[in-house]
Amino acid sequence: NIINQIGKKIKTYAHIISLKRTKIGKFYIKNSYKLKNLIYNKKK
């Protein structure tokens, strides 16, 4: 919505092509695990 509004304000349009959440509170993306880490590791 913010991106859409920014587009309007500069008298054109806009939309998101990429979005990544990197942090929630005390939790960081650098400490996260991808699906492949979980599938191929026996000590899940």
All heavy atoms as atom14 arrays in JSON, in Angstrom:
{
  "sequence": "NIINQIGKKIKTYAHIISLKRTKIGKFYIKNSYKLKNLIYNKKK",
  "atom14_mask": [
    [1, 1, 1, 1, 1, 1, 1, 1, 0, 0, 0, 0, 0, 0],
    [1, 1, 1, 1, 1, 1, 1, 1, 0, 0, 0, 0, 0, 0],
    [1, 1, 1, 1, 1, 1, 1, 1, 0, 0, 0, 0, 0, 0],
    [1, 1, 1, 1, 1, 1, 1, 1, 0, 0, 0, 0, 0, 0],
    [1, 1, 1, 1, 1, 1, 1, 1, 1, 0, 0, 0, 0, 0],
    [1, 1, 1, 1, 1, 1, 1, 1, 0, 0, 0, 0, 0, 0],
    [1, 1, 1, 1, 0, 0, 0, 0, 0, 0, 0, 0, 0, 0],
    [1, 1, 1, 1, 1, 1, 1, 1, 1, 0, 0, 0, 0, 0],
    [1, 1, 1, 1, 1, 1, 1, 1, 1, 0, 0, 0, 0, 0],
    [1, 1, 1, 1, 1, 1, 1, 1, 0, 0, 0, 0, 0, 0],
    [1, 1, 1, 1, 1, 1, 1, 1, 1, 0, 0, 0, 0, 0],
    [1, 1, 1, 1, 1, 1, 1, 0, 0, 0, 0, 0, 0, 0],
    [1, 1, 1, 1, 1, 1, 1, 1, 1, 1, 1, 1, 0, 0],
    [1, 1, 1, 1, 1, 0, 0, 0, 0, 0, 0, 0, 0, 0],
    [1, 1, 1, 1, 1, 1, 1, 1, 1, 1, 0, 0, 0, 0],
    [1, 1, 1, 1, 1, 1, 1, 1, 0, 0, 0, 0, 0, 0],
    [1, 1, 1, 1, 1, 1, 1, 1, 0, 0, 0, 0, 0, 0],
    [1, 1, 1, 1, 1, 1, 0, 0, 0, 0, 0, 0, 0, 0],
    [1, 1, 1, 1, 1, 1, 1, 1, 0, 0, 0, 0, 0, 0],
    [1, 1, 1, 1, 1, 1, 1, 1, 1, 0, 0, 0, 0, 0],
    [1, 1, 1, 1, 1, 1, 1, 1, 1, 1, 1, 0, 0, 0],
    [1, 1, 1, 1, 1, 1, 1, 0, 0, 0, 0, 0, 0, 0],
    [1, 1, 1, 1, 1, 1, 1, 1, 1, 0, 0, 0, 0, 0],
    [1, 1, 1, 1, 1, 1, 1, 1, 0, 0, 0, 0, 0, 0],
    [1, 1, 1, 1, 0, 0, 0, 0, 0, 0, 0, 0, 0, 0],
    [1, 1, 1, 1, 1, 1, 1, 1, 1, 0, 0, 0, 0, 0],
    [1, 1, 1, 1, 1, 1, 1, 1, 1, 1, 1, 0, 0, 0],
    [1, 1, 1, 1, 1, 1, 1, 1, 1, 1, 1, 1, 0, 0],
    [1, 1, 1, 1, 1, 1, 1, 1, 0, 0, 0, 0, 0, 0],
    [1, 1, 1, 1, 1, 1, 1, 1, 1, 0, 0, 0, 0, 0],
    [1, 1, 1, 1, 1, 1, 1, 1, 0, 0, 0, 0, 0, 0],
    [1, 1, 1, 1, 1, 1, 0, 0, 0, 0, 0, 0, 0, 0],
    [1, 1, 1, 1, 1, 1, 1, 1, 1, 1, 1, 1, 0, 0],
    [1, 1, 1, 1, 1, 1, 1, 1, 1, 0, 0, 0, 0, 0],
    [1, 1, 1, 1, 1, 1, 1, 1, 0, 0, 0, 0, 0, 0],
    [1, 1, 1, 1, 1, 1, 1, 1, 1, 0, 0, 0, 0, 0],
    [1, 1, 1, 1, 1, 1, 1, 1, 0, 0, 0, 0, 0, 0],
    [1, 1, 1, 1, 1, 1, 1, 1, 0, 0, 0, 0, 0, 0],
    [1, 1, 1, 1, 1, 1, 1, 1, 0, 0, 0, 0, 0, 0],
    [1, 1, 1, 1, 1, 1, 1, 1, 1, 1, 1, 1, 0, 0],
    [1, 1, 1, 1, 1, 1, 1, 1, 0, 0, 0, 0, 0, 0],
    [1, 1, 1, 1, 1, 1, 1, 1, 1, 0, 0, 0, 0, 0],
    [1, 1, 1, 1, 1, 1, 1, 1, 1, 0, 0, 0, 0, 0],
    [1, 1, 1, 1, 1, 1, 1, 1, 1, 0, 0, 0, 0, 0]
  ],
  "atom14_positions": [
    [[0.83, -1.2, 0.0], [0.0, 0.0, 0.0], [0.86, 1.25, 0.0], [0.57, 2.23, -0.71], [-0.93, -0.01, 1.22], [-2.12, 0.91, 1.04], [-2.03, 1.94, 0.39], [-3.26, 0.54, 1.59], [0.0, 0.0, 0.0], [0.0, 0.0, 0.0], [0.0, 0.0, 0.0], [0.0, 0.0, 0.0], [0.0, 0.0, 0.0], [0.0, 0.0, 0.0]],
    [[1.92, 1.23, 0.79], [2.83, 2.39, 0.86], [3.44, 2.66, -0.52], [3.5, 3.8, -0.97], [3.93, 2.16, 1.92], [3.29, 2.15, 3.32], [5.01, 3.24, 1.84], [4.22, 1.7, 4.41], [0.0, 0.0, 0.0], [0.0, 0.0, 0.0], [0.0, 0.0, 0.0], [0.0, 0.0, 0.0], [0.0, 0.0, 0.0], [0.0, 0.0, 0.0]],
    [[3.89, 1.59, -1.18], [4.5, 1.74, -2.51], [3.48, 2.27, -3.51], [3.78, 3.15, -4.32], [5.07, 0.38, -2.98], [6.24, -0.05, -2.08], [5.5, 0.45, -4.45], [7.39, 0.92, -2.0], [0.0, 0.0, 0.0], [0.0, 0.0, 0.0], [0.0, 0.0, 0.0], [0.0, 0.0, 0.0], [0.0, 0.0, 0.0], [0.0, 0.0, 0.0]],
    [[2.26, 1.77, -3.44], [1.19, 2.26, -4.32], [0.94, 3.75, -4.1], [0.78, 4.51, -5.07], [-0.08, 1.45, -4.05], [-1.25, 1.92, -4.89], [-1.22, 1.89, -6.11], [-2.31, 2.37, -4.23], [0.0, 0.0, 0.0], [0.0, 0.0, 0.0], [0.0, 0.0, 0.0], [0.0, 0.0, 0.0], [0.0, 0.0, 0.0], [0.0, 0.0, 0.0]],
    [[0.93, 4.17, -2.84], [0.69, 5.58, -2.51], [1.84, 6.47, -2.99], [1.61, 7.58, -3.47], [0.5, 5.73, -0.99], [-0.79, 5.14, -0.46], [-2.02, 5.83, -1.03], [-2.07, 7.05, -1.14], [-3.0, 5.04, -1.45], [0.0, 0.0, 0.0], [0.0, 0.0, 0.0], [0.0, 0.0, 0.0], [0.0, 0.0, 0.0], [0.0, 0.0, 0.0]],
    [[3.07, 5.98, -2.85], [4.23, 6.75, -3.31], [4.13, 6.99, -4.82], [4.39, 8.09, -5.32], [5.56, 6.03, -2.96], [5.81, 6.1, -1.44], [6.74, 6.64, -3.72], [6.95, 5.24, -0.94], [0.0, 0.0, 0.0], [0.0, 0.0, 0.0], [0.0, 0.0, 0.0], [0.0, 0.0, 0.0], [0.0, 0.0, 0.0], [0.0, 0.0, 0.0]],
    [[3.7, 5.95, -5.55], [3.5, 6.08, -6.99], [2.5, 7.17, -7.33], [2.72, 7.99, -8.23], [0.0, 0.0, 0.0], [0.0, 0.0, 0.0], [0.0, 0.0, 0.0], [0.0, 0.0, 0.0], [0.0, 0.0, 0.0], [0.0, 0.0, 0.0], [0.0, 0.0, 0.0], [0.0, 0.0, 0.0], [0.0, 0.0, 0.0], [0.0, 0.0, 0.0]],
    [[1.4, 7.2, -6.58], [0.36, 8.22, -6.79], [0.89, 9.62, -6.53], [0.58, 10.57, -7.27], [-0.84, 7.95, -5.87], [-1.76, 6.84, -6.32], [-2.93, 6.73, -5.37], [-3.9, 5.63, -5.8], [-5.04, 5.53, -4.84], [0.0, 0.0, 0.0], [0.0, 0.0, 0.0], [0.0, 0.0, 0.0], [0.0, 0.0, 0.0], [0.0, 0.0, 0.0]],
    [[1.68, 9.76, -5.47], [2.18, 11.07, -5.07], [3.1, 11.7, -6.12], [3.2, 12.92, -6.22], [2.92, 10.97, -3.73], [2.03, 10.63, -2.53], [1.16, 11.79, -2.12], [0.36, 11.46, -0.87], [-0.53, 12.59, -0.47], [0.0, 0.0, 0.0], [0.0, 0.0, 0.0], [0.0, 0.0, 0.0], [0.0, 0.0, 0.0], [0.0, 0.0, 0.0]],
    [[3.8, 10.85, -6.88], [4.69, 11.39, -7.92], [4.01, 11.34, -9.3], [4.66, 11.4, -10.34], [6.06, 10.68, -7.94], [5.9, 9.16, -8.16], [6.84, 10.98, -6.69], [7.21, 8.45, -8.44], [0.0, 0.0, 0.0], [0.0, 0.0, 0.0], [0.0, 0.0, 0.0], [0.0, 0.0, 0.0], [0.0, 0.0, 0.0], [0.0, 0.0, 0.0]],
    [[2.67, 11.21, -9.25], [1.82, 11.26, -10.45], [2.15, 10.18, -11.48], [2.18, 10.42, -12.69], [1.89, 12.65, -11.07], [1.32, 13.72, -10.14], [1.38, 15.09, -10.76], [0.81, 16.14, -9.8], [0.85, 17.5, -10.36], [0.0, 0.0, 0.0], [0.0, 0.0, 0.0], [0.0, 0.0, 0.0], [0.0, 0.0, 0.0], [0.0, 0.0, 0.0]],
    [[2.43, 8.98, -10.96], [2.6, 7.8, -11.81], [2.05, 6.61, -11.03], [1.16, 6.78, -10.19], [4.07, 7.6, -12.24], [4.14, 6.49, -13.14], [5.0, 7.37, -11.07], [0.0, 0.0, 0.0], [0.0, 0.0, 0.0], [0.0, 0.0, 0.0], [0.0, 0.0, 0.0], [0.0, 0.0, 0.0], [0.0, 0.0, 0.0], [0.0, 0.0, 0.0]],
    [[2.56, 5.42, -11.29], [2.12, 4.24, -10.57], [3.34, 3.5, -10.02], [4.47, 3.82, -10.36], [1.32, 3.31, -11.49], [0.13, 4.0, -12.13], [0.12, 4.26, -13.5], [-0.96, 4.4, -11.36], [-0.97, 4.91, -14.09], [-2.04, 5.04, -11.94], [-2.03, 5.3, -13.31], [-3.1, 5.94, -13.88], [0.0, 0.0, 0.0], [0.0, 0.0, 0.0]],
    [[3.09, 2.52, -9.16], [4.18, 1.73, -8.6], [3.65, 0.43, -8.03], [2.52, 0.36, -7.56], [4.91, 2.53, -7.51], [0.0, 0.0, 0.0], [0.0, 0.0, 0.0], [0.0, 0.0, 0.0], [0.0, 0.0, 0.0], [0.0, 0.0, 0.0], [0.0, 0.0, 0.0], [0.0, 0.0, 0.0], [0.0, 0.0, 0.0], [0.0, 0.0, 0.0]],
    [[4.47, -0.61, -8.1], [4.13, -1.88, -7.44], [5.41, -2.58, -7.01], [6.5, -2.3, -7.51], [3.29, -2.78, -8.36], [4.04, -3.38, -9.5], [4.31, -2.69, -10.67], [4.6, -4.61, -9.67], [4.99, -3.47, -11.5], [5.17, -4.63, -10.91], [0.0, 0.0, 0.0], [0.0, 0.0, 0.0], [0.0, 0.0, 0.0], [0.0, 0.0, 0.0]],
    [[5.26, -3.5, -6.06], [6.39, -4.23, -5.51], [6.79, -5.38, -6.43], [5.95, -6.15, -6.89], [6.06, -4.79, -4.1], [6.03, -3.64, -3.08], [7.07, -5.84, -3.68], [5.63, -4.08, -1.7], [0.0, 0.0, 0.0], [0.0, 0.0, 0.0], [0.0, 0.0, 0.0], [0.0, 0.0, 0.0], [0.0, 0.0, 0.0], [0.0, 0.0, 0.0]],
    [[8.1, -5.52, -6.68], [8.59, -6.66, -7.45], [9.42, -7.61, -6.58], [9.67, -8.75, -6.95], [9.38, -6.22, -8.7], [10.56, -5.31, -8.32], [8.48, -5.54, -9.7], [11.45, -4.95, -9.5], [0.0, 0.0, 0.0], [0.0, 0.0, 0.0], [0.0, 0.0, 0.0], [0.0, 0.0, 0.0], [0.0, 0.0, 0.0], [0.0, 0.0, 0.0]],
    [[9.84, -7.11, -5.41], [10.58, -7.96, -4.48], [10.4, -7.44, -3.06], [10.44, -6.23, -2.83], [12.08, -7.95, -4.84], [12.83, -8.66, -3.88], [0.0, 0.0, 0.0], [0.0, 0.0, 0.0], [0.0, 0.0, 0.0], [0.0, 0.0, 0.0], [0.0, 0.0, 0.0], [0.0, 0.0, 0.0], [0.0, 0.0, 0.0], [0.0, 0.0, 0.0]],
    [[10.16, -8.37, -2.12], [9.96, -7.99, -0.72], [10.5, -9.08, 0.18], [10.22, -10.26, -0.01], [8.47, -7.77, -0.45], [8.08, -7.26, 0.95], [8.66, -5.86, 1.2], [6.56, -7.22, 1.1], [0.0, 0.0, 0.0], [0.0, 0.0, 0.0], [0.0, 0.0, 0.0], [0.0, 0.0, 0.0], [0.0, 0.0, 0.0], [0.0, 0.0, 0.0]],
    [[11.31, -8.66, 1.16], [11.89, -9.62, 2.1], [11.79, -9.08, 3.52], [12.18, -7.93, 3.77], [13.35, -9.91, 1.77], [14.03, -10.87, 2.76], [15.49, -11.07, 2.45], [15.66, -12.11, 1.38], [17.1, -12.5, 1.21], [0.0, 0.0, 0.0], [0.0, 0.0, 0.0], [0.0, 0.0, 0.0], [0.0, 0.0, 0.0], [0.0, 0.0, 0.0]],
    [[11.27, -9.9, 4.44], [11.25, -9.52, 5.86], [12.54, -10.01, 6.49], [12.83, -11.2, 6.5], [10.04, -10.12, 6.57], [9.91, -9.63, 8.0], [8.48, -9.77, 8.51], [8.04, -11.14, 8.64], [6.77, -11.5, 8.83], [5.82, -10.59, 8.9], [6.43, -12.76, 8.94], [0.0, 0.0, 0.0], [0.0, 0.0, 0.0], [0.0, 0.0, 0.0]],
    [[13.33, -9.07, 7.02], [14.66, -9.4, 7.53], [14.75, -9.44, 9.06], [15.73, -9.93, 9.61], [15.7, -8.4, 7.01], [15.31, -7.08, 7.41], [15.8, -8.47, 5.5], [0.0, 0.0, 0.0], [0.0, 0.0, 0.0], [0.0, 0.0, 0.0], [0.0, 0.0, 0.0], [0.0, 0.0, 0.0], [0.0, 0.0, 0.0], [0.0, 0.0, 0.0]],
    [[13.7, -8.92, 9.73], [13.76, -8.87, 11.19], [12.37, -8.77, 11.79], [11.5, -8.08, 11.26], [14.61, -7.67, 11.64], [14.93, -7.64, 13.12], [15.72, -6.38, 13.48], [15.94, -6.28, 14.97], [16.53, -4.99, 15.37], [0.0, 0.0, 0.0], [0.0, 0.0, 0.0], [0.0, 0.0, 0.0], [0.0, 0.0, 0.0], [0.0, 0.0, 0.0]],
    [[12.16, -9.49, 12.89], [10.97, -9.34, 13.73], [11.46, -9.26, 15.18], [11.97, -10.25, 15.71], [10.0, -10.53, 13.63], [9.49, -10.71, 12.2], [8.8, -10.33, 14.57], [8.57, -11.9, 12.04], [0.0, 0.0, 0.0], [0.0, 0.0, 0.0], [0.0, 0.0, 0.0], [0.0, 0.0, 0.0], [0.0, 0.0, 0.0], [0.0, 0.0, 0.0]],
    [[11.32, -8.1, 15.8], [11.76, -7.97, 17.19], [13.2, -8.37, 17.38], [14.12, -7.75, 16.83], [0.0, 0.0, 0.0], [0.0, 0.0, 0.0], [0.0, 0.0, 0.0], [0.0, 0.0, 0.0], [0.0, 0.0, 0.0], [0.0, 0.0, 0.0], [0.0, 0.0, 0.0], [0.0, 0.0, 0.0], [0.0, 0.0, 0.0], [0.0, 0.0, 0.0]],
    [[13.42, -9.46, 18.13], [14.76, -9.93, 18.45], [15.25, -11.02, 17.48], [16.29, -11.62, 17.69], [14.78, -10.5, 19.87], [14.32, -9.5, 20.93], [14.12, -10.2, 22.28], [13.44, -9.27, 23.29], [14.3, -8.16, 23.71], [0.0, 0.0, 0.0], [0.0, 0.0, 0.0], [0.0, 0.0, 0.0], [0.0, 0.0, 0.0], [0.0, 0.0, 0.0]],
    [[14.48, -11.29, 16.43], [14.8, -12.37, 15.51], [15.28, -11.82, 14.17], [14.61, -10.99, 13.56], [13.58, -13.28, 15.32], [13.01, -13.79, 16.62], [11.87, -13.21, 17.17], [13.62, -14.81, 17.3], [11.35, -13.66, 18.37], [13.11, -15.28, 18.51], [11.98, -14.69, 19.05], [0.0, 0.0, 0.0], [0.0, 0.0, 0.0], [0.0, 0.0, 0.0]],
    [[16.46, -12.33, 13.71], [17.1, -11.81, 12.51], [17.15, -12.86, 11.4], [17.25, -14.05, 11.66], [18.54, -11.38, 12.81], [18.64, -10.22, 13.78], [18.55, -10.42, 15.15], [18.85, -8.92, 13.32], [18.65, -9.36, 16.05], [18.96, -7.85, 14.2], [18.86, -8.08, 15.56], [18.96, -7.03, 16.44], [0.0, 0.0, 0.0], [0.0, 0.0, 0.0]],
    [[17.13, -12.39, 10.16], [17.2, -13.26, 9.0], [18.49, -14.1, 8.99], [18.5, -15.24, 8.51], [17.07, -12.45, 7.67], [16.85, -13.35, 6.46], [18.28, -11.55, 7.46], [15.48, -13.9, 6.32], [0.0, 0.0, 0.0], [0.0, 0.0, 0.0], [0.0, 0.0, 0.0], [0.0, 0.0, 0.0], [0.0, 0.0, 0.0], [0.0, 0.0, 0.0]],
    [[19.58, -13.54, 9.52], [20.86, -14.26, 9.52], [20.8, -15.53, 10.38], [21.62, -16.44, 10.21], [21.99, -13.35, 10.0], [21.88, -12.91, 11.45], [23.04, -12.0, 11.85], [22.93, -11.56, 13.31], [24.03, -10.65, 13.7], [0.0, 0.0, 0.0], [0.0, 0.0, 0.0], [0.0, 0.0, 0.0], [0.0, 0.0, 0.0], [0.0, 0.0, 0.0]],
    [[19.83, -15.58, 11.29], [19.69, -16.76, 12.16], [18.57, -17.7, 11.69], [18.2, -18.62, 12.4], [19.39, -16.32, 13.6], [20.52, -15.49, 14.18], [21.68, -15.77, 13.95], [20.19, -14.44, 14.91], [0.0, 0.0, 0.0], [0.0, 0.0, 0.0], [0.0, 0.0, 0.0], [0.0, 0.0, 0.0], [0.0, 0.0, 0.0], [0.0, 0.0, 0.0]],
    [[18.05, -17.44, 10.49], [16.93, -18.25, 9.99], [17.42, -19.46, 9.2], [18.6, -19.55, 8.84], [16.02, -17.39, 9.11], [16.71, -17.01, 7.93], [0.0, 0.0, 0.0], [0.0, 0.0, 0.0], [0.0, 0.0, 0.0], [0.0, 0.0, 0.0], [0.0, 0.0, 0.0], [0.0, 0.0, 0.0], [0.0, 0.0, 0.0], [0.0, 0.0, 0.0]],
    [[16.49, -20.39, 8.93], [16.82, -21.61, 8.21], [15.9, -21.82, 7.03], [14.68, -21.65, 7.14], [16.76, -22.82, 9.15], [17.76, -22.72, 10.27], [17.37, -22.26, 11.53], [19.1, -23.04, 10.06], [18.31, -22.14, 12.56], [20.03, -22.92, 11.08], [19.63, -22.47, 12.32], [20.55, -22.34, 13.34], [0.0, 0.0, 0.0], [0.0, 0.0, 0.0]],
    [[16.48, -22.21, 5.91], [15.7, -22.49, 4.71], [15.19, -23.92, 4.75], [15.67, -24.76, 5.52], [16.56, -22.27, 3.47], [16.96, -20.81, 3.27], [17.79, -20.64, 2.01], [18.15, -19.17, 1.8], [18.97, -18.96, 0.59], [0.0, 0.0, 0.0], [0.0, 0.0, 0.0], [0.0, 0.0, 0.0], [0.0, 0.0, 0.0], [0.0, 0.0, 0.0]],
    [[14.22, -24.19, 3.9], [13.59, -25.51, 3.86], [14.61, -26.62, 3.6], [14.55, -27.68, 4.23], [12.51, -25.52, 2.77], [11.49, -26.65, 2.84], [10.68, -26.6, 4.12], [10.57, -26.59, 1.63], [0.0, 0.0, 0.0], [0.0, 0.0, 0.0], [0.0, 0.0, 0.0], [0.0, 0.0, 0.0], [0.0, 0.0, 0.0], [0.0, 0.0, 0.0]],
    [[15.58, -26.37, 2.73], [16.56, -27.4, 2.39], [17.42, -27.78, 3.61], [17.86, -28.93, 3.73], [17.45, -26.95, 1.24], [18.3, -25.73, 1.52], [19.14, -25.35, 0.29], [20.01, -24.14, 0.56], [20.82, -23.76, -0.62], [0.0, 0.0, 0.0], [0.0, 0.0, 0.0], [0.0, 0.0, 0.0], [0.0, 0.0, 0.0], [0.0, 0.0, 0.0]],
    [[17.65, -26.8, 4.53], [18.42, -27.1, 5.74], [17.69, -28.13, 6.6], [18.31, -28.98, 7.24], [18.63, -25.84, 6.59], [19.41, -24.76, 5.87], [18.95, -23.63, 5.78], [20.57, -25.09, 5.35], [0.0, 0.0, 0.0], [0.0, 0.0, 0.0], [0.0, 0.0, 0.0], [0.0, 0.0, 0.0], [0.0, 0.0, 0.0], [0.0, 0.0, 0.0]],
    [[16.38, -28.02, 6.61], [15.56, -28.89, 7.46], [15.34, -30.26, 6.83], [15.36, -31.28, 7.51], [14.2, -28.22, 7.72], [14.26, -26.8, 8.3], [12.86, -26.2, 8.35], [14.88, -26.81, 9.69], [0.0, 0.0, 0.0], [0.0, 0.0, 0.0], [0.0, 0.0, 0.0], [0.0, 0.0, 0.0], [0.0, 0.0, 0.0], [0.0, 0.0, 0.0]],
    [[15.16, -30.28, 5.51], [14.89, -31.54, 4.81], [16.1, -32.47, 4.83], [15.97, -33.68, 5.04], [14.45, -31.27, 3.36], [13.07, -30.6, 3.35], [14.42, -32.56, 2.54], [12.64, -30.11, 1.98], [0.0, 0.0, 0.0], [0.0, 0.0, 0.0], [0.0, 0.0, 0.0], [0.0, 0.0, 0.0], [0.0, 0.0, 0.0], [0.0, 0.0, 0.0]],
    [[17.29, -31.91, 4.62], [18.48, -32.74, 4.47], [19.29, -32.96, 5.74], [20.33, -33.6, 5.71], [19.38, -32.16, 3.37], [18.71, -32.13, 2.02], [18.37, -30.92, 1.42], [18.38, -33.31, 1.37], [17.73, -30.9, 0.19], [17.75, -33.29, 0.14], [17.42, -32.08, -0.45], [16.79, -32.06, -1.67], [0.0, 0.0, 0.0], [0.0, 0.0, 0.0]],
    [[18.84, -32.4, 6.85], [19.58, -32.58, 8.1], [18.8, -33.47, 9.06], [17.64, -33.2, 9.37], [19.85, -31.22, 8.75], [20.95, -31.31, 9.8], [20.82, -32.03, 10.77], [22.03, -30.58, 9.58], [0.0, 0.0, 0.0], [0.0, 0.0, 0.0], [0.0, 0.0, 0.0], [0.0, 0.0, 0.0], [0.0, 0.0, 0.0], [0.0, 0.0, 0.0]],
    [[19.43, -34.54, 9.52], [18.76, -35.49, 10.42], [18.51, -34.89, 11.8], [17.57, -35.26, 12.49], [19.59, -36.76, 10.53], [19.63, -37.57, 9.24], [20.49, -38.81, 9.4], [20.55, -39.59, 8.09], [21.42, -40.78, 8.21], [0.0, 0.0, 0.0], [0.0, 0.0, 0.0], [0.0, 0.0, 0.0], [0.0, 0.0, 0.0], [0.0, 0.0, 0.0]],
    [[19.37, -33.98, 12.24], [19.23, -33.37, 13.57], [18.41, -32.08, 13.44], [18.88, -31.0, 13.73], [20.6, -33.08, 14.17], [21.41, -34.35, 14.44], [22.77, -34.02, 15.03], [23.56, -35.29, 15.29], [24.92, -35.0, 15.81], [0.0, 0.0, 0.0], [0.0, 0.0, 0.0], [0.0, 0.0, 0.0], [0.0, 0.0, 0.0], [0.0, 0.0, 0.0]],
    [[17.17, -32.23, 13.03], [16.31, -31.08, 12.75], [16.04, -30.24, 13.99], [15.91, -29.03, 13.92], [14.99, -31.54, 12.14], [15.14, -32.26, 10.82], [13.79, -32.72, 10.31], [13.91, -33.45, 8.98], [14.54, -34.77, 9.11], [0.0, 0.0, 0.0], [0.0, 0.0, 0.0], [0.0, 0.0, 0.0], [0.0, 0.0, 0.0], [0.0, 0.0, 0.0]]
  ]
}
